[in-house]
Amino acid sequence: MKVELEMPTDTTNLEHFFNMSTDMLCIANTDGYFVKISPSFTTTLGYSKSDLLSRPFFDFIHPDDKSQTAQEVEQLAQGGMAIQFENRFQKKDGDYIWISWSAKANPESDYLYAVARDVTKIKQNQELFEEAQAMANVGAWEVDLKNNTVFWTDEVYRIHDLEPNDAVDYKSAINFYHPEAIPKIQEALRRSMEENLAYDIELRLITAKKRTIWVRAKGRCVFKNGTPVLLKGTFQDIDIRKRAELKLTELNEALSKSNQALEEFAYIASHDLKEPLRKIISFNERIQLMNLDLPSKANLFMDRMNASAQRMQQLIEDLLKYSRVSHIRYNKSLILDLNVELTELIHSNVSFQEIKNNIHIEKLPSINGWEPVHLQQLFTNLISNSIKFQRKDTTLQIDIRLEKENKKSFVVAYQDNGIGFEQQFATQILKPFQRLHGRSEYEGTGIGLAICQKLMERHKGNIKAKSKPNKGATFLLLFKK
């Protein structure tokens, strides 16, 4: 048996549709009153149905939006086409929400038909996005290749010193670039459209106000059926950062040239000074070997002259060592076993034979980027420093251990039990020719620890010192992995 179902009338269908819609549906008249509203109006705004129907809808509109809304209603009342616009409506709790309207007038009556939607969250997100763009000086852009139309966000217009309503097309957008940059951006765009290659380049731009600034342009091409149809990307004002980078590069280059000239001068001057010093020492020794009957005071002067010449010779040798360190280049491909290198150094250096059993080395990691000769120079200087400044009433003890380690680096602690120093001098002792004691107490030129610091810096690490008087010294060596 066939059962026929009765279909609801058109009016019933429309009423169900009207009441179930999550969008706000309404009919209004040109006098400014709602005639019929869907239940979603009361749900969204918080008013009762009678509140909304008994008051002019302009009562609920934000004061700043009333004029524009009145113009839209007037346009509809005069038989205008369907329109879309946004305004702010006040809820019963006093807050305002953004509503997007799509409306059309019935030319045979005074009624306006509209669909509305709460777009407050969309507007808030849009405002946050625009604020983020402004803070980062970055905007977005698109070029419709079929219609040759350009879309820029407000921030892109601002970067170009333009107003958002100013007309821009593909050609004029390219012409904003500096003449030297135009071929680069054209090539980037060509490769994007022909080879589907994204680009990310930094170029100079000349704004509408004739300011020359640096920008970062990123873009890619969108294809449809193998045909390029759209270019899109981001555009960022990087002028402050770029100029700072260029200035820093310029200063670094100037500093590098200055350091190179200074190192060459030191190297050449040292070599030129060594020869006359050798002659002074040699002639002084010959005079002493002649057994001349000189006054005792003359012999004293000769001894002092010889000591001064030898001290100058040592200073020159140390200056040459320090100068050579500046030419070291870090080579990460080199790998050394720290334990093997230190053990070999301690047992092969004649100066360390009396204390080699007092040097304790814990298990240490391998090290990258160091030549064996430079690593030996580093620890030779540290051990020699400990021997020089050991306490007379105590047997020298040296401990070399792993202090800490992470994925990018590790720290080796070198510790002795010598005379130590005040912590306030921890930076000074790492500088060239800086001494905390007179020559009569301890020999040397004050260059050994400075060479250690230079070696660590050239290998992308650093050295720090910690100490207390009569409590020994600890040197923390940071090595990069």
Protein backbone atom coordinates (compact mmCIF):
# COMPACT_ATOMS: atom_id res chain seq x y z
CA MET A 1 0.00 0.00 0.00
CA LYS A 2 1.37 3.34 -1.02
CA VAL A 3 1.32 6.07 1.61
CA GLU A 4 1.33 9.63 0.36
CA LEU A 5 2.93 12.19 2.68
CA GLU A 6 1.44 15.63 2.72
CA MET A 7 4.04 18.23 1.81
CA PRO A 8 4.07 21.35 3.98
CA THR A 9 2.90 24.58 2.39
CA ASP A 10 5.44 27.12 1.11
CA THR A 11 4.56 29.39 4.00
CA THR A 12 5.30 26.62 6.50
CA ASN A 13 8.65 25.89 4.80
CA LEU A 14 9.66 29.51 4.91
CA GLU A 15 8.66 29.86 8.54
CA HIS A 16 10.72 26.81 9.53
CA PHE A 17 13.68 28.13 7.56
CA PHE A 18 13.26 31.56 9.16
CA ASN A 19 13.16 30.21 12.72
CA MET A 20 15.97 27.65 12.38
CA SER A 21 18.57 29.89 10.72
CA THR A 22 21.72 30.61 12.78
CA ASP A 23 22.12 33.83 10.79
CA MET A 24 19.94 36.78 11.73
CA LEU A 25 17.12 37.16 9.18
CA CYS A 26 14.86 40.18 9.16
CA ILE A 27 12.34 42.27 7.27
CA ALA A 28 12.41 46.02 7.91
CA ASN A 29 10.64 49.02 6.52
CA THR A 30 12.09 52.26 5.22
CA ASP A 31 10.77 54.06 8.32
CA GLY A 32 13.56 52.42 10.30
CA TYR A 33 11.70 49.65 12.15
CA PHE A 34 12.05 45.88 12.12
CA VAL A 35 8.83 44.22 10.92
CA LYS A 36 9.88 40.61 11.40
CA ILE A 37 13.02 39.09 12.94
CA SER A 38 14.31 35.56 13.34
CA PRO A 39 14.90 34.13 16.84
CA SER A 40 18.68 34.43 16.32
CA PHE A 41 18.31 38.22 16.74
CA THR A 42 17.18 37.84 20.35
CA THR A 43 19.81 35.14 21.00
CA THR A 44 22.65 37.27 19.65
CA LEU A 45 21.65 40.68 21.01
CA GLY A 46 19.96 39.68 24.28
CA TYR A 47 16.81 41.79 23.74
CA SER A 48 13.28 40.46 23.68
CA LYS A 49 11.43 40.30 20.38
CA SER A 50 9.12 43.14 21.47
CA ASP A 51 12.12 45.37 22.36
CA LEU A 52 13.56 44.98 18.89
CA LEU A 53 10.26 45.47 17.03
CA SER A 54 9.03 48.45 19.07
CA ARG A 55 12.12 50.64 18.72
CA PRO A 56 13.80 52.11 15.61
CA PHE A 57 16.75 49.96 14.67
CA PHE A 58 18.90 53.11 14.63
CA ASP A 59 18.56 53.12 18.45
CA PHE A 60 20.79 50.05 18.58
CA ILE A 61 23.47 51.26 16.13
CA HIS A 62 26.77 52.74 17.34
CA PRO A 63 26.74 56.56 17.03
CA ASP A 64 29.76 56.53 14.72
CA ASP A 65 28.01 54.12 12.32
CA LYS A 66 24.56 55.76 12.09
CA SER A 67 25.39 58.13 9.23
CA GLN A 68 26.84 55.41 7.00
CA THR A 69 23.96 53.04 7.81
CA ALA A 70 21.42 55.78 6.93
CA GLN A 71 23.09 56.22 3.54
CA GLU A 72 22.90 52.47 2.88
CA VAL A 73 19.18 52.38 3.82
CA GLU A 74 18.46 55.42 1.63
CA GLN A 75 20.21 53.77 -1.30
CA LEU A 76 18.09 50.64 -0.83
CA ALA A 77 14.88 52.69 -0.47
CA GLN A 78 15.57 54.34 -3.83
CA GLY A 79 15.64 50.96 -5.51
CA GLY A 80 19.35 50.21 -5.20
CA MET A 81 20.81 46.80 -5.86
CA ALA A 82 21.67 44.36 -3.09
CA ILE A 83 24.36 45.77 -0.83
CA GLN A 84 26.74 44.57 1.83
CA PHE A 85 28.00 46.66 4.71
CA GLU A 86 29.06 46.41 8.35
CA ASN A 87 28.11 48.34 11.46
CA ARG A 88 28.12 47.98 15.24
CA PHE A 89 24.99 47.00 17.19
CA GLN A 90 24.60 47.45 20.93
CA LYS A 91 23.62 44.38 22.93
CA LYS A 92 21.36 44.52 25.95
CA ASP A 93 24.41 44.28 28.28
CA GLY A 94 25.81 47.48 26.74
CA ASP A 95 28.59 45.91 24.67
CA TYR A 96 28.80 46.49 20.93
CA ILE A 97 29.27 43.75 18.37
CA TRP A 98 30.16 43.98 14.69
CA ILE A 99 27.42 42.84 12.31
CA SER A 100 27.83 42.17 8.59
CA TRP A 101 24.68 42.87 6.54
CA SER A 102 23.52 41.66 3.13
CA ALA A 103 20.35 43.54 2.19
CA LYS A 104 17.99 44.04 -0.76
CA ALA A 105 14.83 46.12 -1.18
CA ASN A 106 11.53 44.94 -2.62
CA PRO A 107 10.73 47.46 -5.37
CA GLU A 108 6.99 46.71 -5.06
CA SER A 109 6.84 47.59 -1.36
CA ASP A 110 8.62 49.58 1.32
CA TYR A 111 10.19 46.49 2.80
CA LEU A 112 13.90 45.73 3.13
CA TYR A 113 15.07 42.12 3.36
CA ALA A 114 18.38 41.41 5.11
CA VAL A 115 20.63 38.66 6.40
CA ALA A 116 23.01 39.59 9.23
CA ARG A 117 25.88 37.78 10.92
CA ASP A 118 27.95 38.48 14.04
CA VAL A 119 31.51 39.06 12.75
CA THR A 120 32.98 40.47 15.97
CA LYS A 121 35.60 37.73 16.36
CA ILE A 122 36.57 38.07 12.71
CA LYS A 123 37.00 41.84 13.14
CA GLN A 124 39.00 41.35 16.34
CA ASN A 125 41.29 38.84 14.65
CA GLN A 126 41.65 41.19 11.69
CA GLU A 127 42.60 44.07 14.00
CA LEU A 128 45.13 41.88 15.81
CA PHE A 129 46.57 40.77 12.47
CA GLU A 130 46.85 44.36 11.25
CA GLU A 131 48.43 45.42 14.54
CA ALA A 132 50.92 42.56 14.27
CA GLN A 133 51.68 43.60 10.68
CA ALA A 134 52.29 47.18 11.78
CA MET A 135 54.51 46.13 14.69
CA ALA A 136 56.56 43.83 12.45
CA ASN A 137 56.45 46.30 9.52
CA VAL A 138 55.21 43.48 7.32
CA GLY A 139 52.23 43.26 4.97
CA ALA A 140 50.79 40.89 2.38
CA TRP A 141 50.21 41.29 -1.35
CA GLU A 142 48.70 39.52 -4.36
CA VAL A 143 48.83 40.03 -8.12
CA ASP A 144 46.07 38.57 -10.32
CA LEU A 145 48.03 37.77 -13.49
CA LYS A 146 44.91 37.35 -15.61
CA ASN A 147 43.37 40.72 -14.76
CA ASN A 148 46.62 42.53 -13.93
CA THR A 149 45.13 43.68 -10.62
CA VAL A 150 47.15 44.23 -7.45
CA PHE A 151 46.00 43.78 -3.87
CA TRP A 152 48.03 45.22 -0.99
CA THR A 153 47.27 45.22 2.72
CA ASP A 154 47.36 48.60 4.46
CA GLU A 155 50.88 47.97 5.77
CA VAL A 156 52.26 47.53 2.22
CA TYR A 157 50.72 50.87 1.26
CA ARG A 158 52.27 52.46 4.36
CA ILE A 159 55.71 51.09 3.51
CA HIS A 160 55.40 52.71 0.07
CA ASP A 161 54.24 56.02 1.65
CA LEU A 162 50.87 55.64 -0.10
CA GLU A 163 47.26 55.84 1.03
CA PRO A 164 45.23 52.58 0.95
CA ASN A 165 42.97 53.96 -1.80
CA ASP A 166 45.83 54.94 -4.14
CA ALA A 167 45.78 53.10 -7.47
CA VAL A 168 48.60 50.59 -8.01
CA ASP A 169 49.16 48.13 -10.84
CA TYR A 170 51.83 45.52 -11.53
CA LYS A 171 54.10 47.86 -13.48
CA SER A 172 53.94 50.75 -11.01
CA ALA A 173 54.59 48.36 -8.12
CA ILE A 174 57.83 47.19 -9.80
CA ASN A 175 58.88 50.77 -10.54
CA PHE A 176 58.99 51.61 -6.83
CA TYR A 177 62.17 49.54 -6.55
CA HIS A 178 65.56 51.21 -6.77
CA PRO A 179 66.90 51.14 -10.38
CA GLU A 180 69.66 48.75 -9.30
CA ALA A 181 67.07 46.45 -7.68
CA ILE A 182 64.54 46.30 -10.54
CA PRO A 183 66.45 43.65 -12.57
CA LYS A 184 66.77 41.51 -9.41
CA ILE A 185 63.04 41.56 -8.58
CA GLN A 186 62.13 41.02 -12.24
CA GLU A 187 64.40 37.98 -12.40
CA ALA A 188 62.94 36.63 -9.14
CA LEU A 189 59.40 37.04 -10.51
CA ARG A 190 60.32 35.46 -13.85
CA ARG A 191 61.80 32.39 -12.18
CA SER A 192 58.78 32.17 -9.89
CA MET A 193 56.37 32.12 -12.85
CA GLU A 194 58.50 30.00 -15.21
CA GLU A 195 60.26 27.63 -12.79
CA ASN A 196 57.87 27.69 -9.81
CA LEU A 197 60.65 28.95 -7.51
CA ALA A 198 59.76 30.94 -4.40
CA TYR A 199 61.98 33.91 -3.59
CA ASP A 200 63.09 35.76 -0.46
CA ILE A 201 65.32 38.77 -1.20
CA GLU A 202 66.33 42.07 0.37
CA LEU A 203 66.26 45.10 -1.93
CA ARG A 204 66.20 48.88 -1.89
CA LEU A 205 62.94 50.71 -2.56
CA ILE A 206 62.18 54.36 -3.35
CA THR A 207 58.87 55.34 -1.73
CA ALA A 208 56.29 57.82 -3.00
CA LYS A 209 57.94 60.42 -0.74
CA LYS A 210 61.34 59.68 -2.34
CA ARG A 211 62.70 57.91 0.72
CA THR A 212 65.17 55.12 -0.06
CA ILE A 213 64.59 52.20 2.29
CA TRP A 214 65.49 48.52 2.51
CA VAL A 215 62.68 45.98 2.18
CA ARG A 216 62.38 42.21 2.33
CA ALA A 217 60.25 40.79 -0.48
CA LYS A 218 58.98 37.21 -0.33
CA GLY A 219 56.78 35.64 -2.96
CA ARG A 220 55.66 32.61 -4.90
CA CYS A 221 53.49 31.82 -7.89
CA VAL A 222 50.18 29.92 -7.85
CA PHE A 223 49.45 27.75 -10.89
CA LYS A 224 46.20 26.41 -12.33
CA ASN A 225 46.44 23.60 -14.84
CA GLY A 226 50.09 24.46 -15.32
CA THR A 227 49.40 28.14 -16.00
CA PRO A 228 50.55 30.87 -13.57
CA VAL A 229 47.45 32.71 -12.35
CA LEU A 230 48.48 34.44 -9.13
CA LEU A 231 51.54 35.91 -7.45
CA LYS A 232 51.39 36.28 -3.68
CA GLY A 233 53.72 36.98 -0.79
CA THR A 234 54.77 39.32 1.99
CA PHE A 235 56.55 42.63 2.10
CA GLN A 236 58.53 43.93 5.08
CA ASP A 237 60.24 47.20 5.98
CA ILE A 238 63.69 46.16 7.24
CA ASP A 239 65.39 49.53 6.81
CA ILE A 240 66.49 50.05 10.43
CA ARG A 241 67.80 46.50 10.79
CA LYS A 242 69.48 46.47 7.38
CA ARG A 243 71.24 49.79 7.89
CA ALA A 244 72.48 48.61 11.29
CA GLU A 245 73.79 45.40 9.67
CA LEU A 246 75.55 47.34 6.91
CA LYS A 247 77.07 49.73 9.45
CA LEU A 248 78.23 46.80 11.59
CA THR A 249 79.72 45.11 8.53
CA GLU A 250 81.49 48.33 7.63
CA LEU A 251 82.88 48.71 11.16
CA ASN A 252 83.95 45.06 11.27
CA GLU A 253 85.76 45.42 7.95
CA ALA A 254 87.50 48.57 9.16
CA LEU A 255 88.41 46.86 12.42
CA SER A 256 89.65 43.80 10.57
CA LYS A 257 91.87 45.96 8.33
CA SER A 258 93.13 47.87 11.36
CA ASN A 259 93.90 44.67 13.24
CA GLN A 260 95.61 43.18 10.21
CA ALA A 261 97.75 46.29 9.77
CA LEU A 262 98.60 46.26 13.47
CA GLU A 263 99.50 42.57 13.38
CA GLU A 264 101.69 43.06 10.31
CA PHE A 265 103.36 46.04 11.95
CA ALA A 266 103.99 44.08 15.14
CA TYR A 267 105.37 41.15 13.20
CA ILE A 268 107.69 43.26 11.03
CA ALA A 269 108.76 45.52 13.88
CA SER A 270 109.52 42.52 16.07
CA HIS A 271 111.71 40.99 13.39
CA ASP A 272 113.50 44.30 12.82
CA LEU A 273 114.13 44.71 16.55
CA LYS A 274 115.49 41.21 17.12
CA GLU A 275 118.65 41.70 15.07
CA PRO A 276 119.99 44.80 16.90
CA LEU A 277 119.11 43.18 20.24
CA ARG A 278 121.09 40.09 19.35
CA LYS A 279 124.06 42.32 18.55
CA ILE A 280 123.76 44.18 21.86
CA ILE A 281 123.70 40.88 23.78
CA SER A 282 126.54 39.45 21.69
CA PHE A 283 128.79 42.52 22.04
CA ASN A 284 128.10 42.66 25.76
CA GLU A 285 129.13 39.02 26.16
CA ARG A 286 132.33 39.60 24.14
CA ILE A 287 133.30 42.56 26.30
CA GLN A 288 132.80 40.47 29.44
CA LEU A 289 134.93 37.66 27.97
CA MET A 290 137.80 40.11 27.33
CA ASN A 291 138.44 40.33 31.10
CA LEU A 292 139.00 44.06 30.91
CA ASP A 293 139.95 45.78 34.10
CA LEU A 294 136.75 47.81 34.37
CA PRO A 295 135.46 49.59 37.43
CA SER A 296 132.95 47.55 39.42
CA LYS A 297 130.24 50.06 38.59
CA ALA A 298 130.90 49.53 34.86
CA ASN A 299 130.45 45.76 35.30
CA LEU A 300 127.17 46.41 37.10
CA PHE A 301 125.98 48.54 34.19
CA MET A 302 126.98 45.81 31.74
CA ASP A 303 124.98 43.21 33.71
CA ARG A 304 121.93 45.46 33.79
CA MET A 305 122.23 46.17 30.08
CA ASN A 306 122.40 42.46 29.33
CA ALA A 307 119.37 41.71 31.53
CA SER A 308 117.36 44.50 29.91
CA ALA A 309 118.27 43.32 26.41
CA GLN A 310 117.27 39.76 27.23
CA ARG A 311 113.98 40.95 28.74
CA MET A 312 113.30 42.97 25.58
CA GLN A 313 114.12 39.90 23.49
CA GLN A 314 111.59 37.86 25.49
CA LEU A 315 108.96 40.58 25.03
CA ILE A 316 109.49 40.50 21.28
CA GLU A 317 109.24 36.69 21.21
CA ASP A 318 105.98 36.85 23.17
CA LEU A 319 104.64 39.61 20.92
CA LEU A 320 105.36 37.44 17.90
CA LYS A 321 103.53 34.50 19.52
CA TYR A 322 100.53 36.70 20.25
CA SER A 323 100.55 38.05 16.69
CA ARG A 324 100.64 34.55 15.19
CA VAL A 325 97.52 33.53 17.15
CA SER A 326 95.51 36.21 15.32
CA HIS A 327 96.06 34.36 12.02
CA ILE A 328 94.51 31.10 13.24
CA ARG A 329 91.40 29.99 11.33
CA TYR A 330 88.75 27.80 12.97
CA ASN A 331 88.33 24.49 11.11
CA LYS A 332 85.40 22.50 12.47
CA SER A 333 86.36 19.38 10.51
CA LEU A 334 89.38 18.80 12.78
CA ILE A 335 88.70 16.44 15.70
CA LEU A 336 91.08 15.81 18.61
CA ASP A 337 90.87 13.55 21.66
CA LEU A 338 91.54 15.91 24.57
CA ASN A 339 92.72 13.14 26.89
CA VAL A 340 95.26 11.83 24.38
CA GLU A 341 96.59 15.32 23.53
CA LEU A 342 96.97 16.38 27.19
CA THR A 343 98.65 13.14 28.22
CA GLU A 344 101.12 13.43 25.37
CA LEU A 345 101.85 17.08 26.22
CA ILE A 346 102.49 16.41 29.91
CA HIS A 347 104.86 13.50 29.25
CA SER A 348 106.76 15.12 26.37
CA ASN A 349 107.38 18.60 27.82
CA VAL A 350 110.66 18.65 29.77
CA SER A 351 109.45 21.51 31.98
CA PHE A 352 106.57 19.40 33.31
CA GLN A 353 108.46 16.25 34.30
CA GLU A 354 108.74 17.11 38.00
CA ILE A 355 104.99 17.73 38.36
CA LYS A 356 103.48 15.36 35.79
CA ASN A 357 102.27 12.99 38.50
CA ASN A 358 100.46 15.87 40.20
CA ILE A 359 98.33 16.66 37.12
CA HIS A 360 95.03 14.80 37.27
CA ILE A 361 92.91 14.55 34.11
CA GLU A 362 89.36 13.24 34.16
CA LYS A 363 87.63 11.80 31.11
CA LEU A 364 87.13 14.67 28.64
CA PRO A 365 85.18 14.91 25.35
CA SER A 366 86.74 15.15 21.93
CA ILE A 367 87.26 18.67 20.60
CA ASN A 368 86.49 20.16 17.17
CA GLY A 369 88.36 22.77 15.17
CA TRP A 370 91.75 22.75 16.94
CA GLU A 371 95.17 22.00 15.50
CA PRO A 372 97.26 19.94 17.98
CA VAL A 373 99.93 22.68 18.18
CA HIS A 374 97.37 25.29 19.27
CA LEU A 375 95.81 23.02 21.88
CA GLN A 376 99.28 22.25 23.25
CA GLN A 377 100.08 25.97 23.38
CA LEU A 378 96.88 26.62 25.34
CA PHE A 379 97.58 24.06 28.08
CA THR A 380 101.33 24.69 28.08
CA ASN A 381 100.63 28.31 29.01
CA LEU A 382 98.12 27.32 31.70
CA ILE A 383 100.42 24.72 33.28
CA SER A 384 103.42 27.07 33.07
CA ASN A 385 101.35 29.73 34.79
CA SER A 386 100.50 27.27 37.60
CA ILE A 387 104.18 26.34 38.03
CA LYS A 388 105.20 30.00 38.19
CA PHE A 389 102.57 30.96 40.77
CA GLN A 390 102.63 27.86 42.99
CA ARG A 391 102.79 28.28 46.77
CA LYS A 392 106.21 27.62 48.22
CA ASP A 393 104.94 25.63 51.19
CA THR A 394 102.54 23.39 49.20
CA THR A 395 102.97 20.72 46.55
CA LEU A 396 101.44 21.90 43.30
CA GLN A 397 98.25 20.05 42.30
CA ILE A 398 96.44 20.54 38.99
CA ASP A 399 93.00 19.11 38.15
CA ILE A 400 91.52 19.16 34.64
CA ARG A 401 87.88 18.04 34.48
CA LEU A 402 84.64 18.38 32.53
CA GLU A 403 82.55 21.06 34.27
CA LYS A 404 79.37 20.94 32.15
CA GLU A 405 78.17 19.95 28.68
CA ASN A 406 75.22 20.54 26.34
CA LYS A 407 74.44 19.95 22.67
CA LYS A 408 76.39 22.96 21.42
CA SER A 409 79.37 23.25 23.78
CA PHE A 410 81.16 22.00 26.86
CA VAL A 411 83.23 23.61 29.61
CA VAL A 412 86.56 22.26 30.90
CA ALA A 413 87.66 23.42 34.33
CA TYR A 414 91.44 23.82 34.83
CA GLN A 415 92.16 24.22 38.56
CA ASP A 416 95.37 24.60 40.58
CA ASN A 417 96.18 25.24 44.26
CA GLY A 418 98.58 28.13 43.73
CA ILE A 419 98.76 31.61 45.25
CA GLY A 420 95.56 32.74 43.50
CA PHE A 421 94.50 36.36 43.12
CA GLU A 422 91.71 38.77 43.98
CA GLN A 423 88.61 38.16 41.82
CA GLN A 424 88.59 41.82 40.78
CA PHE A 425 91.68 41.10 38.64
CA ALA A 426 90.08 38.13 36.80
CA THR A 427 89.67 40.11 33.57
CA GLN A 428 92.95 42.02 33.81
CA ILE A 429 95.16 38.92 33.93
CA LEU A 430 93.80 37.83 30.52
CA LYS A 431 94.99 41.01 28.81
CA PRO A 432 98.42 41.34 27.11
CA PHE A 433 101.34 42.48 29.29
CA GLN A 434 99.18 42.83 32.41
CA ARG A 435 100.96 41.76 35.59
CA LEU A 436 99.80 41.56 39.21
CA HIS A 437 103.33 41.13 40.58
CA GLY A 438 106.69 42.83 40.07
CA ARG A 439 109.48 41.25 37.99
CA SER A 440 111.57 40.76 41.11
CA GLU A 441 108.90 38.38 42.47
CA TYR A 442 107.92 36.49 39.33
CA GLU A 443 109.53 36.42 35.90
CA GLY A 444 107.65 36.74 32.64
CA THR A 445 106.07 39.33 30.37
CA GLY A 446 102.39 38.87 31.17
CA ILE A 447 101.48 37.49 27.74
CA GLY A 448 100.85 33.79 28.47
CA LEU A 449 97.23 34.01 29.64
CA ALA A 450 96.47 36.65 26.99
CA ILE A 451 97.52 34.10 24.36
CA CYS A 452 95.17 31.59 26.02
CA GLN A 453 92.28 34.01 25.67
CA LYS A 454 93.19 34.79 22.07
CA LEU A 455 93.35 31.08 21.25
CA MET A 456 89.90 30.48 22.76
CA GLU A 457 88.40 33.43 20.88
CA ARG A 458 89.86 32.32 17.56
CA HIS A 459 88.22 28.92 18.11
CA LYS A 460 84.79 30.45 18.89
CA GLY A 461 85.08 29.81 22.63
CA ASN A 462 86.07 31.80 25.69
CA ILE A 463 87.99 31.61 28.96
CA LYS A 464 87.01 32.91 32.40
CA ALA A 465 89.01 32.97 35.62
CA LYS A 466 87.90 32.48 39.23
CA SER A 467 90.16 32.74 42.27
CA LYS A 468 90.80 33.80 45.86
CA PRO A 469 94.18 34.67 47.41
CA ASN A 470 96.00 31.51 48.54
CA LYS A 471 93.09 29.37 47.32
CA GLY A 472 94.38 28.62 43.84
CA ALA A 473 92.87 29.60 40.50
CA THR A 474 90.26 28.01 38.23
CA PHE A 475 90.09 28.70 34.52
CA LEU A 476 86.84 27.76 32.78
CA LEU A 477 87.39 26.96 29.10
CA LEU A 478 84.28 26.98 26.86
CA PHE A 479 84.74 24.83 23.75
CA LYS A 480 82.27 24.77 20.85
CA LYS A 481 81.19 21.38 19.50
